[in-house]
PDB file of N, CA and C in Angstrom:
ATOM      1  N   MET A   1     -35.439 -25.303 -51.246  1.00  0.00           N
ATOM      2  CA  MET A   1     -36.039 -24.207 -50.527  1.00  0.00           C
ATOM      3  C   MET A   1     -35.717 -24.354 -49.040  1.00  0.00           C
ATOM      4  N   GLU A   2     -35.177 -23.326 -48.456  1.00  0.00           N
ATOM      5  CA  GLU A   2     -34.836 -23.350 -47.040  1.00  0.00           C
ATOM      6  C   GLU A   2     -36.105 -23.264 -46.194  1.00  0.00           C
ATOM      7  N   THR A   3     -36.139 -24.064 -45.143  1.00  0.00           N
ATOM      8  CA  THR A   3     -37.277 -24.052 -44.230  1.00  0.00           C
ATOM      9  C   THR A   3     -36.777 -24.240 -42.804  1.00  0.00           C
ATOM     10  N   PRO A   4     -37.403 -23.566 -41.846  1.00  0.00           N
ATOM     11  CA  PRO A   4     -37.012 -23.738 -40.446  1.00  0.00           C
ATOM     12  C   PRO A   4     -37.720 -24.906 -39.774  1.00  0.00           C
ATOM     13  N   CYS A   5     -38.496 -25.661 -40.521  1.00  0.00           N
ATOM     14  CA  CYS A   5     -39.300 -26.742 -39.954  1.00  0.00           C
ATOM     15  C   CYS A   5     -38.427 -27.752 -39.217  1.00  0.00           C
ATOM     16  N   THR A   6     -38.884 -28.144 -38.027  1.00  0.00           N
ATOM     17  CA  THR A   6     -38.188 -29.149 -37.227  1.00  0.00           C
ATOM     18  C   THR A   6     -39.049 -30.397 -37.040  1.00  0.00           C
ATOM     19  N   SER A   7     -40.171 -30.460 -37.741  1.00  0.00           N
ATOM     20  CA  SER A   7     -41.130 -31.569 -37.641  1.00  0.00           C
ATOM     21  C   SER A   7     -41.741 -31.694 -36.252  1.00  0.00           C
ATOM     22  N   VAL A   8     -41.799 -30.593 -35.531  1.00  0.00           N
ATOM     23  CA  VAL A   8     -42.513 -30.522 -34.253  1.00  0.00           C
ATOM     24  C   VAL A   8     -43.624 -29.504 -34.473  1.00  0.00           C
ATOM     25  N   CYS A   9     -44.668 -29.928 -35.151  1.00  0.00           N
ATOM     26  CA  CYS A   9     -45.727 -29.014 -35.564  1.00  0.00           C
ATOM     27  C   CYS A   9     -46.831 -28.959 -34.514  1.00  0.00           C
ATOM     28  N   SER A  10     -46.768 -27.924 -33.707  1.00  0.00           N
ATOM     29  CA  SER A  10     -47.753 -27.730 -32.652  1.00  0.00           C
ATOM     30  C   SER A  10     -47.825 -26.240 -32.365  1.00  0.00           C
ATOM     31  N   ILE A  11     -48.984 -25.645 -32.597  1.00  0.00           N
ATOM     32  CA  ILE A  11     -49.139 -24.207 -32.410  1.00  0.00           C
ATOM     33  C   ILE A  11     -49.427 -23.895 -30.947  1.00  0.00           C
ATOM     34  N   ASP A  12     -48.646 -22.990 -30.379  1.00  0.00           N
ATOM     35  CA  ASP A  12     -48.846 -22.530 -29.011  1.00  0.00           C
ATOM     36  C   ASP A  12     -50.048 -21.592 -29.000  1.00  0.00           C
ATOM     37  N   ALA A  13     -51.049 -21.911 -28.203  1.00  0.00           N
ATOM     38  CA  ALA A  13     -52.286 -21.128 -28.177  1.00  0.00           C
ATOM     39  C   ALA A  13     -52.050 -19.698 -27.707  1.00  0.00           C
ATOM     40  N   ALA A  14     -51.138 -19.501 -26.799  1.00  0.00           N
ATOM     41  CA  ALA A  14     -50.905 -18.168 -26.241  1.00  0.00           C
ATOM     42  C   ALA A  14     -50.230 -17.225 -27.233  1.00  0.00           C
ATOM     43  N   THR A  15     -49.288 -17.734 -28.015  1.00  0.00           N
ATOM     44  CA  THR A  15     -48.528 -16.873 -28.924  1.00  0.00           C
ATOM     45  C   THR A  15     -48.948 -17.005 -30.381  1.00  0.00           C
ATOM     46  N   GLY A  16     -49.514 -18.147 -30.741  1.00  0.00           N
ATOM     47  CA  GLY A  16     -49.842 -18.405 -32.137  1.00  0.00           C
ATOM     48  C   GLY A  16     -48.654 -18.900 -32.942  1.00  0.00           C
ATOM     49  N   TYR A  17     -47.534 -19.182 -32.270  1.00  0.00           N
ATOM     50  CA  TYR A  17     -46.321 -19.638 -32.938  1.00  0.00           C
ATOM     51  C   TYR A  17     -46.175 -21.149 -32.818  1.00  0.00           C
ATOM     52  N   CYS A  18     -45.592 -21.745 -33.849  1.00  0.00           N
ATOM     53  CA  CYS A  18     -45.275 -23.166 -33.807  1.00  0.00           C
ATOM     54  C   CYS A  18     -44.182 -23.394 -32.772  1.00  0.00           C
ATOM     55  N   ARG A  19     -44.371 -24.393 -31.936  1.00  0.00           N
ATOM     56  CA  ARG A  19     -43.381 -24.690 -30.895  1.00  0.00           C
ATOM     57  C   ARG A  19     -42.079 -25.232 -31.477  1.00  0.00           C
ATOM     58  N   GLY A  20     -42.122 -25.729 -32.692  1.00  0.00           N
ATOM     59  CA  GLY A  20     -40.924 -26.287 -33.314  1.00  0.00           C
ATOM     60  C   GLY A  20     -40.105 -25.283 -34.091  1.00  0.00           C
ATOM     61  N   CYS A  21     -40.772 -24.381 -34.817  1.00  0.00           N
ATOM     62  CA  CYS A  21     -40.022 -23.469 -35.685  1.00  0.00           C
ATOM     63  C   CYS A  21     -40.288 -21.990 -35.440  1.00  0.00           C
ATOM     64  N   GLY A  22     -41.374 -21.664 -34.749  1.00  0.00           N
ATOM     65  CA  GLY A  22     -41.664 -20.267 -34.454  1.00  0.00           C
ATOM     66  C   GLY A  22     -42.536 -19.558 -35.473  1.00  0.00           C
ATOM     67  N   ARG A  23     -42.887 -20.242 -36.557  1.00  0.00           N
ATOM     68  CA  ARG A  23     -43.746 -19.596 -37.553  1.00  0.00           C
ATOM     69  C   ARG A  23     -45.204 -19.638 -37.112  1.00  0.00           C
ATOM     70  N   THR A  24     -46.012 -18.763 -37.693  1.00  0.00           N
ATOM     71  CA  THR A  24     -47.450 -18.808 -37.454  1.00  0.00           C
ATOM     72  C   THR A  24     -48.061 -19.882 -38.347  1.00  0.00           C
ATOM     73  N   GLY A  25     -49.276 -20.259 -38.056  1.00  0.00           N
ATOM     74  CA  GLY A  25     -49.963 -21.240 -38.887  1.00  0.00           C
ATOM     75  C   GLY A  25     -50.091 -20.778 -40.325  1.00  0.00           C
ATOM     76  N   ASP A  26     -50.398 -19.495 -40.515  1.00  0.00           N
ATOM     77  CA  ASP A  26     -50.509 -18.950 -41.869  1.00  0.00           C
ATOM     78  C   ASP A  26     -49.171 -18.995 -42.603  1.00  0.00           C
ATOM     79  N   GLU A  27     -48.090 -18.683 -41.893  1.00  0.00           N
ATOM     80  CA  GLU A  27     -46.761 -18.729 -42.519  1.00  0.00           C
ATOM     81  C   GLU A  27     -46.394 -20.149 -42.919  1.00  0.00           C
ATOM     82  N   ILE A  28     -46.740 -21.104 -42.083  1.00  0.00           N
ATOM     83  CA  ILE A  28     -46.462 -22.509 -42.401  1.00  0.00           C
ATOM     84  C   ILE A  28     -47.260 -22.932 -43.630  1.00  0.00           C
ATOM     85  N   ALA A  29     -48.537 -22.585 -43.648  1.00  0.00           N
ATOM     86  CA  ALA A  29     -49.423 -23.005 -44.734  1.00  0.00           C
ATOM     87  C   ALA A  29     -49.034 -22.397 -46.077  1.00  0.00           C
ATOM     88  N   THR A  30     -48.481 -21.200 -46.060  1.00  0.00           N
ATOM     89  CA  THR A  30     -48.171 -20.512 -47.320  1.00  0.00           C
ATOM     90  C   THR A  30     -46.668 -20.380 -47.573  1.00  0.00           C
ATOM     91  N   TRP A  31     -45.855 -21.128 -46.829  1.00  0.00           N
ATOM     92  CA  TRP A  31     -44.398 -21.014 -46.927  1.00  0.00           C
ATOM     93  C   TRP A  31     -43.898 -21.154 -48.361  1.00  0.00           C
ATOM     94  N   THR A  32     -44.425 -22.092 -49.104  1.00  0.00           N
ATOM     95  CA  THR A  32     -43.937 -22.323 -50.473  1.00  0.00           C
ATOM     96  C   THR A  32     -44.330 -21.200 -51.426  1.00  0.00           C
ATOM     97  N   LEU A  33     -45.275 -20.365 -51.032  1.00  0.00           N
ATOM     98  CA  LEU A  33     -45.701 -19.258 -51.882  1.00  0.00           C
ATOM     99  C   LEU A  33     -44.862 -18.000 -51.683  1.00  0.00           C
ATOM    100  N   PHE A  34     -44.110 -17.934 -50.581  1.00  0.00           N
ATOM    101  CA  PHE A  34     -43.280 -16.764 -50.302  1.00  0.00           C
ATOM    102  C   PHE A  34     -42.053 -16.752 -51.201  1.00  0.00           C
ATOM    103  N   SER A  35     -41.600 -15.555 -51.519  1.00  0.00           N
ATOM    104  CA  SER A  35     -40.332 -15.423 -52.249  1.00  0.00           C
ATOM    105  C   SER A  35     -39.182 -15.718 -51.282  1.00  0.00           C
ATOM    106  N   ASP A  36     -37.988 -15.926 -51.832  1.00  0.00           N
ATOM    107  CA  ASP A  36     -36.819 -16.150 -50.973  1.00  0.00           C
ATOM    108  C   ASP A  36     -36.631 -14.973 -50.014  1.00  0.00           C
ATOM    109  N   ARG A  37     -36.838 -13.779 -50.504  1.00  0.00           N
ATOM    110  CA  ARG A  37     -36.689 -12.576 -49.668  1.00  0.00           C
ATOM    111  C   ARG A  37     -37.694 -12.585 -48.519  1.00  0.00           C
ATOM    112  N   GLU A  38     -38.939 -12.930 -48.809  1.00  0.00           N
ATOM    113  CA  GLU A  38     -39.967 -12.983 -47.761  1.00  0.00           C
ATOM    114  C   GLU A  38     -39.641 -14.056 -46.725  1.00  0.00           C
ATOM    115  N   ARG A  39     -39.186 -15.224 -47.185  1.00  0.00           N
ATOM    116  CA  ARG A  39     -38.817 -16.289 -46.245  1.00  0.00           C
ATOM    117  C   ARG A  39     -37.650 -15.861 -45.356  1.00  0.00           C
ATOM    118  N   ARG A  40     -36.644 -15.220 -45.941  1.00  0.00           N
ATOM    119  CA  ARG A  40     -35.508 -14.739 -45.141  1.00  0.00           C
ATOM    120  C   ARG A  40     -35.969 -13.719 -44.107  1.00  0.00           C
ATOM    121  N   HIS A  41     -36.879 -12.837 -44.495  1.00  0.00           N
ATOM    122  CA  HIS A  41     -37.405 -11.826 -43.566  1.00  0.00           C
ATOM    123  C   HIS A  41     -38.107 -12.499 -42.385  1.00  0.00           C
ATOM    124  N   ILE A  42     -38.921 -13.484 -42.656  1.00  0.00           N
ATOM    125  CA  ILE A  42     -39.614 -14.212 -41.586  1.00  0.00           C
ATOM    126  C   ILE A  42     -38.595 -14.918 -40.700  1.00  0.00           C
ATOM    127  N   MET A  43     -37.620 -15.559 -41.324  1.00  0.00           N
ATOM    128  CA  MET A  43     -36.640 -16.338 -40.567  1.00  0.00           C
ATOM    129  C   MET A  43     -35.787 -15.466 -39.649  1.00  0.00           C
ATOM    130  N   THR A  44     -35.586 -14.201 -40.003  1.00  0.00           N
ATOM    131  CA  THR A  44     -34.786 -13.333 -39.132  1.00  0.00           C
ATOM    132  C   THR A  44     -35.487 -13.075 -37.798  1.00  0.00           C
ATOM    133  N   GLY A  45     -36.800 -13.178 -37.764  1.00  0.00           N
ATOM    134  CA  GLY A  45     -37.533 -12.938 -36.523  1.00  0.00           C
ATOM    135  C   GLY A  45     -37.837 -14.182 -35.712  1.00  0.00           C
ATOM    136  N   LEU A  46     -37.490 -15.350 -36.226  1.00  0.00           N
ATOM    137  CA  LEU A  46     -37.862 -16.591 -35.543  1.00  0.00           C
ATOM    138  C   LEU A  46     -37.143 -16.781 -34.212  1.00  0.00           C
ATOM    139  N   HIS A  47     -35.907 -16.347 -34.117  1.00  0.00           N
ATOM    140  CA  HIS A  47     -35.169 -16.506 -32.858  1.00  0.00           C
ATOM    141  C   HIS A  47     -35.899 -15.773 -31.723  1.00  0.00           C
ATOM    142  N   THR A  48     -36.351 -14.573 -31.987  1.00  0.00           N
ATOM    143  CA  THR A  48     -37.092 -13.801 -30.984  1.00  0.00           C
ATOM    144  C   THR A  48     -38.405 -14.482 -30.646  1.00  0.00           C
ATOM    145  N   ARG A  49     -39.085 -14.983 -31.645  1.00  0.00           N
ATOM    146  CA  ARG A  49     -40.351 -15.686 -31.402  1.00  0.00           C
ATOM    147  C   ARG A  49     -40.136 -16.919 -30.531  1.00  0.00           C
ATOM    148  N   MET A  50     -39.087 -17.677 -30.849  1.00  0.00           N
ATOM    149  CA  MET A  50     -38.829 -18.901 -30.093  1.00  0.00           C
ATOM    150  C   MET A  50     -38.505 -18.593 -28.633  1.00  0.00           C
ATOM    151  N   ARG A  51     -37.836 -17.481 -28.395  1.00  0.00           N
ATOM    152  CA  ARG A  51     -37.556 -17.088 -27.012  1.00  0.00           C
ATOM    153  C   ARG A  51     -38.837 -16.758 -26.275  1.00  0.00           C
ATOM    154  N   SER A  52     -39.863 -16.302 -27.000  1.00  0.00           N
ATOM    155  CA  SER A  52     -41.126 -15.957 -26.352  1.00  0.00           C
ATOM    156  C   SER A  52     -41.919 -17.200 -25.944  1.00  0.00           C
ATOM    157  N   LEU A  53     -41.566 -18.318 -26.515  1.00  0.00           N
ATOM    158  CA  LEU A  53     -42.209 -19.578 -26.133  1.00  0.00           C
ATOM    159  C   LEU A  53     -41.507 -20.161 -24.918  1.00  0.00           C
ATOM    160  N   ASP A  54     -42.232 -20.783 -24.066  1.00  0.00           N
ATOM    161  CA  ASP A  54     -41.633 -21.457 -22.922  1.00  0.00           C
ATOM    162  C   ASP A  54     -40.738 -22.580 -23.426  1.00  0.00           C
ATOM    163  N   ALA A  55     -39.508 -22.621 -22.968  1.00  0.00           N
ATOM    164  CA  ALA A  55     -38.547 -23.619 -23.445  1.00  0.00           C
ATOM    165  C   ALA A  55     -39.071 -25.034 -23.286  1.00  0.00           C
ATOM    166  N   SER A  56     -39.761 -25.310 -22.220  1.00  0.00           N
ATOM    167  CA  SER A  56     -40.247 -26.675 -22.007  1.00  0.00           C
ATOM    168  C   SER A  56     -41.303 -27.070 -23.027  1.00  0.00           C
ATOM    169  N   SER A  57     -42.075 -26.112 -23.523  1.00  0.00           N
ATOM    170  CA  SER A  57     -43.102 -26.457 -24.504  1.00  0.00           C
ATOM    171  C   SER A  57     -42.484 -26.788 -25.852  1.00  0.00           C
ATOM    172  N   ARG A  58     -41.296 -26.250 -26.141  1.00  0.00           N
ATOM    173  CA  ARG A  58     -40.620 -26.555 -27.401  1.00  0.00           C
ATOM    174  C   ARG A  58     -39.956 -27.915 -27.356  1.00  0.00           C
ATOM    175  N   LEU A  59     -39.691 -28.414 -26.166  1.00  0.00           N
ATOM    176  CA  LEU A  59     -38.936 -29.648 -26.035  1.00  0.00           C
ATOM    177  C   LEU A  59     -39.828 -30.860 -25.835  1.00  0.00           C
ATOM    178  N   GLU A  60     -41.025 -30.793 -26.323  1.00  0.00           N
ATOM    179  CA  GLU A  60     -41.957 -31.904 -26.194  1.00  0.00           C
ATOM    180  C   GLU A  60     -41.401 -33.123 -26.930  1.00  0.00           C
ATOM    181  N   THR A  61     -41.300 -34.219 -26.240  1.00  0.00           N
ATOM    182  CA  THR A  61     -40.788 -35.435 -26.862  1.00  0.00           C
ATOM    183  C   THR A  61     -41.852 -36.054 -27.754  1.00  0.00           C
ATOM    184  N   ARG A  62     -41.413 -36.948 -28.611  1.00  0.00           N
ATOM    185  CA  ARG A  62     -42.354 -37.619 -29.510  1.00  0.00           C
ATOM    186  C   ARG A  62     -43.417 -38.368 -28.716  1.00  0.00           C
ATOM    187  N   SER A  63     -43.020 -39.103 -27.679  1.00  0.00           N
ATOM    188  CA  SER A  63     -44.004 -39.862 -26.902  1.00  0.00           C
ATOM    189  C   SER A  63     -44.958 -38.932 -26.165  1.00  0.00           C
ATOM    190  N   ALA A  64     -44.455 -37.809 -25.664  1.00  0.00           N
ATOM    191  CA  ALA A  64     -45.331 -36.844 -24.992  1.00  0.00           C
ATOM    192  C   ALA A  64     -46.314 -36.243 -25.988  1.00  0.00           C
ATOM    193  N   ARG A  65     -45.840 -35.993 -27.207  1.00  0.00           N
ATOM    194  CA  ARG A  65     -46.718 -35.432 -28.236  1.00  0.00           C
ATOM    195  C   ARG A  65     -47.802 -36.437 -28.612  1.00  0.00           C
ATOM    196  N   VAL A  66     -47.441 -37.703 -28.761  1.00  0.00           N
ATOM    197  CA  VAL A  66     -48.421 -38.745 -29.078  1.00  0.00           C
ATOM    198  C   VAL A  66     -49.468 -38.823 -27.969  1.00  0.00           C
ATOM    199  N   ASP A  67     -49.017 -38.792 -26.717  1.00  0.00           N
ATOM    200  CA  ASP A  67     -49.950 -38.829 -25.582  1.00  0.00           C
ATOM    201  C   ASP A  67     -50.876 -37.620 -25.588  1.00  0.00           C
ATOM    202  N   ARG A  68     -50.318 -36.423 -25.833  1.00  0.00           N
ATOM    203  CA  ARG A  68     -51.128 -35.198 -25.846  1.00  0.00           C
ATOM    204  C   ARG A  68     -52.175 -35.249 -26.952  1.00  0.00           C
ATOM    205  N   ILE A  69     -51.772 -35.690 -28.135  1.00  0.00           N
ATOM    206  CA  ILE A  69     -52.708 -35.767 -29.262  1.00  0.00           C
ATOM    207  C   ILE A  69     -53.817 -36.763 -28.954  1.00  0.00           C
ATOM    208  N   ALA A  70     -53.469 -37.882 -28.351  1.00  0.00           N
ATOM    209  CA  ALA A  70     -54.478 -38.882 -27.981  1.00  0.00           C
ATOM    210  C   ALA A  70     -55.472 -38.293 -26.990  1.00  0.00           C
ATOM    211  N   ARG A  71     -54.971 -37.544 -26.012  1.00  0.00           N
ATOM    212  CA  ARG A  71     -55.871 -36.911 -25.031  1.00  0.00           C
ATOM    213  C   ARG A  71     -56.784 -35.892 -25.704  1.00  0.00           C
ATOM    214  N   GLU A  72     -56.221 -35.104 -26.631  1.00  0.00           N
ATOM    215  CA  GLU A  72     -57.021 -34.099 -27.331  1.00  0.00           C
ATOM    216  C   GLU A  72     -58.113 -34.751 -28.166  1.00  0.00           C
ATOM    217  N   ARG A  73     -57.804 -35.861 -28.783  1.00  0.00           N
ATOM    218  CA  ARG A  73     -58.795 -36.554 -29.621  1.00  0.00           C
ATOM    219  C   ARG A  73     -59.924 -37.147 -28.788  1.00  0.00           C
ATOM    220  N   THR A  74     -59.614 -37.613 -27.589  1.00  0.00           N
ATOM    221  CA  THR A  74     -60.667 -38.191 -26.744  1.00  0.00           C
ATOM    222  C   THR A  74     -61.591 -37.119 -26.187  1.00  0.00           C
ATOM    223  N   LYS A  75     -61.135 -35.866 -26.172  1.00  0.00           N
ATOM    224  CA  LYS A  75     -61.965 -34.756 -25.685  1.00  0.00           C
ATOM    225  C   LYS A  75     -63.001 -34.331 -26.713  1.00  0.00           C
ATOM    226  N   ARG A  76     -62.802 -34.700 -27.956  1.00  0.00           N
ATOM    227  CA  ARG A  76     -63.702 -34.253 -29.041  1.00  0.00           C
ATOM    228  C   ARG A  76     -65.026 -34.924 -28.980  1.00  0.00           C
TER     229      ARG A  76
END
């Protein structure tokens, strides 16, 4: 099954799109339930979605992501 996942799973609060692949949280959660046609339809719009995200937010490094998650957990 084709997937646009890049293993950078972080939803941008402003757009609702994953910073790694451009899908919404609902699309990610139900990806395996979509038909091939539905997945292709979603994937055709991902390039536009990714452009709507700030380029720097998509390029979060692994260490920066670990630091951010640690900070978020301490706020809870």
